[in-house]
Amino acid sequence: MLDELGINGFVMEQDKKYLKLGTDAMLLSEFARIKKNDKVCDLGCGAGAVSILLAARHESIELCGVEIVKGAAELCQRNIAHNNIGSRMSVYHDDLKNVRGLFSAGSFDAVVSNPPFMQSGSGLHTESEELLCARMEICCTIDDVCAAAAYLLKFGGSFSLVYRPARLADLFRALEKHELAPKRMRLVQDTAAAEPSLVLVEARKGGKSGIKNMPALILKNPDGSETEETKKIYRRN
């Protein structure tokens, strides 16, 4: 079954064995500042959620995904076919730590990622090894992701990702190590009274120090209904 994304007629085939399209991907695809004709790489693309959403939102960009799990990469390839975007999107079944063997340095204007957010051995359990790889730092660490992004980006290019607030210190250390300067940050809360559950960060290769801390994104009103901004992101207006 194909799920409609509600954006320009795009759809996604999903499988419970792999990470499904969720709030993380939807918010990241809206947060990332992608320009006309940009070349974009999605690190750890899974079934292609973030990439497909970006393709739906920006008709002139070129994309490629890198995914280590074979079944997820194959599902991403089918989603490319479902949306007839094979002329501007491709997927590589490979380890993101191998990007130096796949691309030339500075090949991309923008990199995006929804990386594993739990440290290895932190107690996450799931029946699916594929899901475990997507959620826990088994196949790659946040340092690996930042290293790959830094290699792929042109000078001045942007790296946008969604992560967990509890690990912001780890993220910022990795970004600094690879000369990626955080420029924008936005915390995401279920309600105004709830603790942040996600954080959206944009870093720039070769950027100067100085970060804009944006107002928190509140997903729901006190009565449980979606806020107007959430409706706008999901195109429900």
C-alpha atoms as a PDB file:
ATOM      1  CA  MET A   1       0.000   0.000   0.000  1.00  0.00           C
ATOM      2  CA  LEU A   2       1.181   3.495  -0.836  1.00  0.00           C
ATOM      3  CA  ASP A   3       0.726   6.303   1.705  1.00  0.00           C
ATOM      4  CA  GLU A   4      -0.037   9.752   0.333  1.00  0.00           C
ATOM      5  CA  LEU A   5       2.236  12.493   1.657  1.00  0.00           C
ATOM      6  CA  GLY A   6      -0.167  15.322   0.896  1.00  0.00           C
ATOM      7  CA  ILE A   7       2.518  17.221  -1.038  1.00  0.00           C
ATOM      8  CA  ASN A   8       2.256  17.515  -4.817  1.00  0.00           C
ATOM      9  CA  GLY A   9       0.840  13.999  -5.183  1.00  0.00           C
ATOM     10  CA  PHE A  10       3.914  12.229  -3.768  1.00  0.00           C
ATOM     11  CA  VAL A  11       3.533   8.832  -2.093  1.00  0.00           C
ATOM     12  CA  MET A  12       5.597   6.414   0.013  1.00  0.00           C
ATOM     13  CA  GLU A  13       5.692   2.660   0.265  1.00  0.00           C
ATOM     14  CA  GLN A  14       6.502   1.653   3.841  1.00  0.00           C
ATOM     15  CA  ASP A  15       7.455  -1.533   5.674  1.00  0.00           C
ATOM     16  CA  LYS A  16       7.301  -2.140   9.419  1.00  0.00           C
ATOM     17  CA  LYS A  17      10.781  -3.736   9.296  1.00  0.00           C
ATOM     18  CA  TYR A  18      12.301  -0.342   8.497  1.00  0.00           C
ATOM     19  CA  LEU A  19      11.989   3.088  10.059  1.00  0.00           C
ATOM     20  CA  LYS A  20       8.704   4.570   8.860  1.00  0.00           C
ATOM     21  CA  LEU A  21       7.974   8.154   7.950  1.00  0.00           C
ATOM     22  CA  GLY A  22       7.395  10.066  11.171  1.00  0.00           C
ATOM     23  CA  THR A  23       7.528  13.461  12.800  1.00  0.00           C
ATOM     24  CA  ASP A  24      11.353  13.513  12.618  1.00  0.00           C
ATOM     25  CA  ALA A  25      11.427  13.286   8.823  1.00  0.00           C
ATOM     26  CA  MET A  26       8.514  15.653   8.256  1.00  0.00           C
ATOM     27  CA  LEU A  27       9.992  18.390  10.455  1.00  0.00           C
ATOM     28  CA  LEU A  28      13.498  18.013   9.021  1.00  0.00           C
ATOM     29  CA  SER A  29      12.234  18.290   5.454  1.00  0.00           C
ATOM     30  CA  GLU A  30      10.526  21.572   6.382  1.00  0.00           C
ATOM     31  CA  PHE A  31      13.438  22.924   8.457  1.00  0.00           C
ATOM     32  CA  ALA A  32      16.231  22.317   5.939  1.00  0.00           C
ATOM     33  CA  ARG A  33      16.909  25.412   3.836  1.00  0.00           C
ATOM     34  CA  ILE A  34      17.217  23.998   0.325  1.00  0.00           C
ATOM     35  CA  LYS A  35      17.753  26.307  -2.629  1.00  0.00           C
ATOM     36  CA  LYS A  36      16.793  25.979  -6.269  1.00  0.00           C
ATOM     37  CA  ASN A  37      19.011  23.512  -8.175  1.00  0.00           C
ATOM     38  CA  ASP A  38      20.820  22.354  -5.029  1.00  0.00           C
ATOM     39  CA  LYS A  39      22.503  18.953  -4.958  1.00  0.00           C
ATOM     40  CA  VAL A  40      21.493  17.239  -1.719  1.00  0.00           C
ATOM     41  CA  CYS A  41      22.753  14.087  -0.015  1.00  0.00           C
ATOM     42  CA  ASP A  42      20.700  12.215   2.597  1.00  0.00           C
ATOM     43  CA  LEU A  43      23.005  10.257   4.931  1.00  0.00           C
ATOM     44  CA  GLY A  44      21.386   7.108   6.300  1.00  0.00           C
ATOM     45  CA  CYS A  45      18.341   7.694   4.116  1.00  0.00           C
ATOM     46  CA  GLY A  46      16.479   4.500   5.062  1.00  0.00           C
ATOM     47  CA  ALA A  47      13.407   4.039   2.886  1.00  0.00           C
ATOM     48  CA  GLY A  48      13.848   7.601   1.642  1.00  0.00           C
ATOM     49  CA  ALA A  49      11.429   9.538   3.849  1.00  0.00           C
ATOM     50  CA  VAL A  50      13.425  12.775   4.118  1.00  0.00           C
ATOM     51  CA  SER A  51      14.629  12.655   0.505  1.00  0.00           C
ATOM     52  CA  ILE A  52      11.178  11.956  -0.926  1.00  0.00           C
ATOM     53  CA  LEU A  53       9.707  14.798   1.121  1.00  0.00           C
ATOM     54  CA  LEU A  54      12.425  17.164  -0.087  1.00  0.00           C
ATOM     55  CA  ALA A  55      11.834  16.076  -3.684  1.00  0.00           C
ATOM     56  CA  ALA A  56       8.130  16.775  -3.203  1.00  0.00           C
ATOM     57  CA  ARG A  57       8.789  20.238  -1.766  1.00  0.00           C
ATOM     58  CA  HIS A  58      11.565  21.292  -4.201  1.00  0.00           C
ATOM     59  CA  GLU A  59      11.060  20.223  -7.804  1.00  0.00           C
ATOM     60  CA  SER A  60      14.393  21.497  -9.155  1.00  0.00           C
ATOM     61  CA  ILE A  61      16.837  19.798  -6.773  1.00  0.00           C
ATOM     62  CA  GLU A  62      18.942  16.668  -7.304  1.00  0.00           C
ATOM     63  CA  LEU A  63      19.184  14.118  -4.494  1.00  0.00           C
ATOM     64  CA  CYS A  64      20.978  10.978  -3.536  1.00  0.00           C
ATOM     65  CA  GLY A  65      20.709   8.784  -0.476  1.00  0.00           C
ATOM     66  CA  VAL A  66      23.269   6.541   1.224  1.00  0.00           C
ATOM     67  CA  GLU A  67      21.882   3.576   3.185  1.00  0.00           C
ATOM     68  CA  ILE A  68      23.724   0.618   4.711  1.00  0.00           C
ATOM     69  CA  VAL A  69      20.690  -1.672   5.154  1.00  0.00           C
ATOM     70  CA  LYS A  70      20.061  -3.438   1.848  1.00  0.00           C
ATOM     71  CA  GLY A  71      16.293  -3.861   2.262  1.00  0.00           C
ATOM     72  CA  ALA A  72      15.821  -0.211   3.198  1.00  0.00           C
ATOM     73  CA  ALA A  73      17.902   0.914   0.202  1.00  0.00           C
ATOM     74  CA  GLU A  74      15.787  -1.292  -2.071  1.00  0.00           C
ATOM     75  CA  LEU A  75      12.609   0.196  -0.590  1.00  0.00           C
ATOM     76  CA  CYS A  76      14.014   3.676  -1.188  1.00  0.00           C
ATOM     77  CA  GLN A  77      14.640   2.732  -4.820  1.00  0.00           C
ATOM     78  CA  ARG A  78      11.010   1.650  -5.160  1.00  0.00           C
ATOM     79  CA  ASN A  79       9.864   4.956  -3.663  1.00  0.00           C
ATOM     80  CA  ILE A  80      11.951   6.775  -6.241  1.00  0.00           C
ATOM     81  CA  ALA A  81      10.146   4.777  -8.946  1.00  0.00           C
ATOM     82  CA  HIS A  82       6.696   5.298  -7.383  1.00  0.00           C
ATOM     83  CA  ASN A  83       7.205   9.064  -7.662  1.00  0.00           C
ATOM     84  CA  ASN A  84       8.868   9.051 -11.099  1.00  0.00           C
ATOM     85  CA  ILE A  85      11.934  10.952  -9.891  1.00  0.00           C
ATOM     86  CA  GLY A  86      14.631   8.580 -11.125  1.00  0.00           C
ATOM     87  CA  SER A  87      16.074  11.361 -13.276  1.00  0.00           C
ATOM     88  CA  ARG A  88      16.915  13.443 -10.208  1.00  0.00           C
ATOM     89  CA  MET A  89      17.313  10.997  -7.328  1.00  0.00           C
ATOM     90  CA  SER A  90      19.444   7.909  -6.727  1.00  0.00           C
ATOM     91  CA  VAL A  91      20.291   5.701  -3.752  1.00  0.00           C
ATOM     92  CA  TYR A  92      23.558   3.976  -2.850  1.00  0.00           C
ATOM     93  CA  HIS A  93      23.539   0.791  -0.794  1.00  0.00           C
ATOM     94  CA  ASP A  94      26.698   1.500   1.156  1.00  0.00           C
ATOM     95  CA  ASP A  95      28.108   2.556   4.519  1.00  0.00           C
ATOM     96  CA  LEU A  96      28.127   6.335   4.964  1.00  0.00           C
ATOM     97  CA  LYS A  97      31.656   5.952   6.331  1.00  0.00           C
ATOM     98  CA  ASN A  98      32.624   5.061   2.751  1.00  0.00           C
ATOM     99  CA  VAL A  99      31.505   8.330   1.120  1.00  0.00           C
ATOM    100  CA  ARG A 100      35.077   9.111   0.057  1.00  0.00           C
ATOM    101  CA  GLY A 101      34.858   6.141  -2.290  1.00  0.00           C
ATOM    102  CA  LEU A 102      31.462   7.211  -3.667  1.00  0.00           C
ATOM    103  CA  PHE A 103      31.795  10.958  -4.234  1.00  0.00           C
ATOM    104  CA  SER A 104      34.371  13.675  -4.734  1.00  0.00           C
ATOM    105  CA  ALA A 105      34.958  16.085  -1.869  1.00  0.00           C
ATOM    106  CA  GLY A 106      32.635  19.090  -1.928  1.00  0.00           C
ATOM    107  CA  SER A 107      30.120  17.473  -4.283  1.00  0.00           C
ATOM    108  CA  PHE A 108      26.987  18.733  -2.510  1.00  0.00           C
ATOM    109  CA  ASP A 109      25.347  22.038  -1.633  1.00  0.00           C
ATOM    110  CA  ALA A 110      23.420  20.509   1.260  1.00  0.00           C
ATOM    111  CA  VAL A 111      23.439  17.366   3.394  1.00  0.00           C
ATOM    112  CA  VAL A 112      20.558  16.144   5.556  1.00  0.00           C
ATOM    113  CA  SER A 113      20.328  13.309   8.058  1.00  0.00           C
ATOM    114  CA  ASN A 114      18.015  11.684  10.583  1.00  0.00           C
ATOM    115  CA  PRO A 115      20.816   9.745  12.308  1.00  0.00           C
ATOM    116  CA  PRO A 116      20.692   7.086  15.036  1.00  0.00           C
ATOM    117  CA  PHE A 117      20.228   8.957  18.304  1.00  0.00           C
ATOM    118  CA  MET A 118      20.870   6.350  21.003  1.00  0.00           C
ATOM    119  CA  GLN A 119      24.364   5.311  22.050  1.00  0.00           C
ATOM    120  CA  SER A 120      25.270   1.660  21.605  1.00  0.00           C
ATOM    121  CA  GLY A 121      24.443  -0.364  24.699  1.00  0.00           C
ATOM    122  CA  SER A 122      21.870   2.122  26.007  1.00  0.00           C
ATOM    123  CA  GLY A 123      19.188  -0.550  26.366  1.00  0.00           C
ATOM    124  CA  LEU A 124      16.989  -0.130  23.294  1.00  0.00           C
ATOM    125  CA  HIS A 125      15.298  -3.402  22.315  1.00  0.00           C
ATOM    126  CA  THR A 126      13.477  -4.274  19.101  1.00  0.00           C
ATOM    127  CA  GLU A 127      12.743  -7.429  17.156  1.00  0.00           C
ATOM    128  CA  SER A 128      14.142  -5.847  13.990  1.00  0.00           C
ATOM    129  CA  GLU A 129      17.907  -5.545  13.541  1.00  0.00           C
ATOM    130  CA  GLU A 130      17.170  -3.044  10.772  1.00  0.00           C
ATOM    131  CA  LEU A 131      15.266  -0.774  13.166  1.00  0.00           C
ATOM    132  CA  LEU A 132      17.991  -1.148  15.763  1.00  0.00           C
ATOM    133  CA  CYS A 133      20.565   0.065  13.213  1.00  0.00           C
ATOM    134  CA  ALA A 134      18.364   3.085  12.416  1.00  0.00           C
ATOM    135  CA  ARG A 135      17.873   4.088  16.059  1.00  0.00           C
ATOM    136  CA  MET A 136      21.086   3.078  17.838  1.00  0.00           C
ATOM    137  CA  GLU A 137      24.720   3.886  17.037  1.00  0.00           C
ATOM    138  CA  ILE A 138      25.602   0.391  15.861  1.00  0.00           C
ATOM    139  CA  CYS A 139      26.367   1.052  12.187  1.00  0.00           C
ATOM    140  CA  CYS A 140      27.573   4.633  12.677  1.00  0.00           C
ATOM    141  CA  THR A 141      28.050   7.303  15.343  1.00  0.00           C
ATOM    142  CA  ILE A 142      27.170  10.979  15.260  1.00  0.00           C
ATOM    143  CA  ASP A 143      30.884  11.648  14.693  1.00  0.00           C
ATOM    144  CA  ASP A 144      30.801   9.414  11.593  1.00  0.00           C
ATOM    145  CA  VAL A 145      27.774  11.292  10.259  1.00  0.00           C
ATOM    146  CA  CYS A 146      29.377  14.705  10.797  1.00  0.00           C
ATOM    147  CA  ALA A 147      32.642  13.545   9.213  1.00  0.00           C
ATOM    148  CA  ALA A 148      30.777  12.349   6.119  1.00  0.00           C
ATOM    149  CA  ALA A 149      28.772  15.585   5.884  1.00  0.00           C
ATOM    150  CA  ALA A 150      31.913  17.713   6.170  1.00  0.00           C
ATOM    151  CA  TYR A 151      33.593  15.781   3.362  1.00  0.00           C
ATOM    152  CA  LEU A 152      30.574  15.966   1.048  1.00  0.00           C
ATOM    153  CA  LEU A 153      29.787  19.665   1.473  1.00  0.00           C
ATOM    154  CA  LYS A 154      31.052  22.553  -0.560  1.00  0.00           C
ATOM    155  CA  PHE A 155      32.509  25.448   1.431  1.00  0.00           C
ATOM    156  CA  GLY A 156      29.489  27.320   2.780  1.00  0.00           C
ATOM    157  CA  GLY A 157      27.200  24.318   2.305  1.00  0.00           C
ATOM    158  CA  SER A 158      24.601  23.433   4.933  1.00  0.00           C
ATOM    159  CA  PHE A 159      24.162  20.315   7.066  1.00  0.00           C
ATOM    160  CA  SER A 160      20.686  19.920   8.572  1.00  0.00           C
ATOM    161  CA  LEU A 161      19.704  17.152  10.938  1.00  0.00           C
ATOM    162  CA  VAL A 162      17.150  16.151  13.556  1.00  0.00           C
ATOM    163  CA  TYR A 163      18.463  14.829  16.862  1.00  0.00           C
ATOM    164  CA  ARG A 164      17.632  14.420  20.548  1.00  0.00           C
ATOM    165  CA  PRO A 165      18.097  17.331  22.979  1.00  0.00           C
ATOM    166  CA  ALA A 166      19.738  15.065  25.579  1.00  0.00           C
ATOM    167  CA  ARG A 167      22.663  14.521  23.184  1.00  0.00           C
ATOM    168  CA  LEU A 168      23.197  18.096  22.014  1.00  0.00           C
ATOM    169  CA  ALA A 169      26.629  18.217  23.679  1.00  0.00           C
ATOM    170  CA  ASP A 170      27.743  15.157  21.676  1.00  0.00           C
ATOM    171  CA  LEU A 171      26.392  16.687  18.480  1.00  0.00           C
ATOM    172  CA  PHE A 172      28.097  20.042  18.985  1.00  0.00           C
ATOM    173  CA  ARG A 173      31.424  18.365  19.802  1.00  0.00           C
ATOM    174  CA  ALA A 174      31.231  16.362  16.573  1.00  0.00           C
ATOM    175  CA  LEU A 175      30.265  19.395  14.498  1.00  0.00           C
ATOM    176  CA  GLU A 176      33.153  21.445  15.897  1.00  0.00           C
ATOM    177  CA  LYS A 177      35.614  18.590  15.329  1.00  0.00           C
ATOM    178  CA  HIS A 178      34.723  18.541  11.633  1.00  0.00           C
ATOM    179  CA  GLU A 179      34.601  22.328  11.185  1.00  0.00           C
ATOM    180  CA  LEU A 180      30.838  22.552  10.829  1.00  0.00           C
ATOM    181  CA  ALA A 181      29.550  25.665  12.596  1.00  0.00           C
ATOM    182  CA  PRO A 182      26.019  25.467  14.093  1.00  0.00           C
ATOM    183  CA  LYS A 183      23.972  28.360  12.679  1.00  0.00           C
ATOM    184  CA  ARG A 184      20.336  27.585  13.549  1.00  0.00           C
ATOM    185  CA  MET A 185      18.700  25.483  16.258  1.00  0.00           C
ATOM    186  CA  ARG A 186      15.046  24.805  17.039  1.00  0.00           C
ATOM    187  CA  LEU A 187      13.684  22.697  19.885  1.00  0.00           C
ATOM    188  CA  VAL A 188      10.485  20.733  19.274  1.00  0.00           C
ATOM    189  CA  GLN A 189       7.887  20.195  21.998  1.00  0.00           C
ATOM    190  CA  ASP A 190       4.691  18.149  21.952  1.00  0.00           C
ATOM    191  CA  THR A 191       2.940  20.924  23.899  1.00  0.00           C
ATOM    192  CA  ALA A 192       4.099  24.234  25.387  1.00  0.00           C
ATOM    193  CA  ALA A 193       4.266  22.587  28.821  1.00  0.00           C
ATOM    194  CA  ALA A 194       6.207  19.506  27.685  1.00  0.00           C
ATOM    195  CA  GLU A 195       9.976  19.056  27.665  1.00  0.00           C
ATOM    196  CA  PRO A 196      11.596  19.202  24.215  1.00  0.00           C
ATOM    197  CA  SER A 197      11.619  15.820  22.487  1.00  0.00           C
ATOM    198  CA  LEU A 198      13.524  16.739  19.311  1.00  0.00           C
ATOM    199  CA  VAL A 199      15.977  19.360  18.157  1.00  0.00           C
ATOM    200  CA  LEU A 200      16.550  20.604  14.610  1.00  0.00           C
ATOM    201  CA  VAL A 201      20.032  21.914  13.864  1.00  0.00           C
ATOM    202  CA  GLU A 202      21.595  23.514  10.800  1.00  0.00           C
ATOM    203  CA  ALA A 203      25.375  23.802  10.563  1.00  0.00           C
ATOM    204  CA  ARG A 204      27.496  25.397   7.865  1.00  0.00           C
ATOM    205  CA  LYS A 205      30.843  24.234   6.507  1.00  0.00           C
ATOM    206  CA  GLY A 206      33.401  26.946   7.153  1.00  0.00           C
ATOM    207  CA  GLY A 207      30.821  29.106   8.902  1.00  0.00           C
ATOM    208  CA  LYS A 208      31.662  31.655  11.578  1.00  0.00           C
ATOM    209  CA  SER A 209      30.616  31.135  15.186  1.00  0.00           C
ATOM    210  CA  GLY A 210      27.168  32.340  16.199  1.00  0.00           C
ATOM    211  CA  ILE A 211      23.942  30.378  16.390  1.00  0.00           C
ATOM    212  CA  LYS A 212      20.333  31.538  16.069  1.00  0.00           C
ATOM    213  CA  ASN A 213      18.161  29.852  18.698  1.00  0.00           C
ATOM    214  CA  MET A 214      14.732  29.871  17.069  1.00  0.00           C
ATOM    215  CA  PRO A 215      11.437  29.845  18.996  1.00  0.00           C
ATOM    216  CA  ALA A 216      10.371  26.355  20.020  1.00  0.00           C
ATOM    217  CA  LEU A 217       8.132  24.476  17.620  1.00  0.00           C
ATOM    218  CA  ILE A 218       4.969  23.473  19.518  1.00  0.00           C
ATOM    219  CA  LEU A 219       3.157  20.585  17.854  1.00  0.00           C
ATOM    220  CA  LYS A 220      -0.113  20.540  19.832  1.00  0.00           C
ATOM    221  CA  ASN A 221      -2.418  22.925  21.650  1.00  0.00           C
ATOM    222  CA  PRO A 222      -3.388  22.255  25.297  1.00  0.00           C
ATOM    223  CA  ASP A 223      -6.564  20.494  24.089  1.00  0.00           C
ATOM    224  CA  GLY A 224      -4.529  18.050  21.975  1.00  0.00           C
ATOM    225  CA  SER A 225      -5.384  19.599  18.607  1.00  0.00           C
ATOM    226  CA  GLU A 226      -2.631  20.469  16.142  1.00  0.00           C
ATOM    227  CA  THR A 227      -1.197  23.973  16.220  1.00  0.00           C
ATOM    228  CA  GLU A 228      -1.479  26.081  13.110  1.00  0.00           C
ATOM    229  CA  GLU A 229       2.238  25.663  12.417  1.00  0.00           C
ATOM    230  CA  THR A 230       1.934  21.865  12.604  1.00  0.00           C
ATOM    231  CA  LYS A 231      -0.970  21.976  10.153  1.00  0.00           C
ATOM    232  CA  LYS A 232       1.123  24.120   7.815  1.00  0.00           C
ATOM    233  CA  ILE A 233       4.074  21.704   7.942  1.00  0.00           C
ATOM    234  CA  TYR A 234       1.808  18.726   7.231  1.00  0.00           C
ATOM    235  CA  ARG A 235      -0.098  20.712   4.574  1.00  0.00           C
ATOM    236  CA  ARG A 236      -3.419  20.255   6.414  1.00  0.00           C
ATOM    237  CA  ASN A 237      -4.642  23.834   5.973  1.00  0.00           C
END
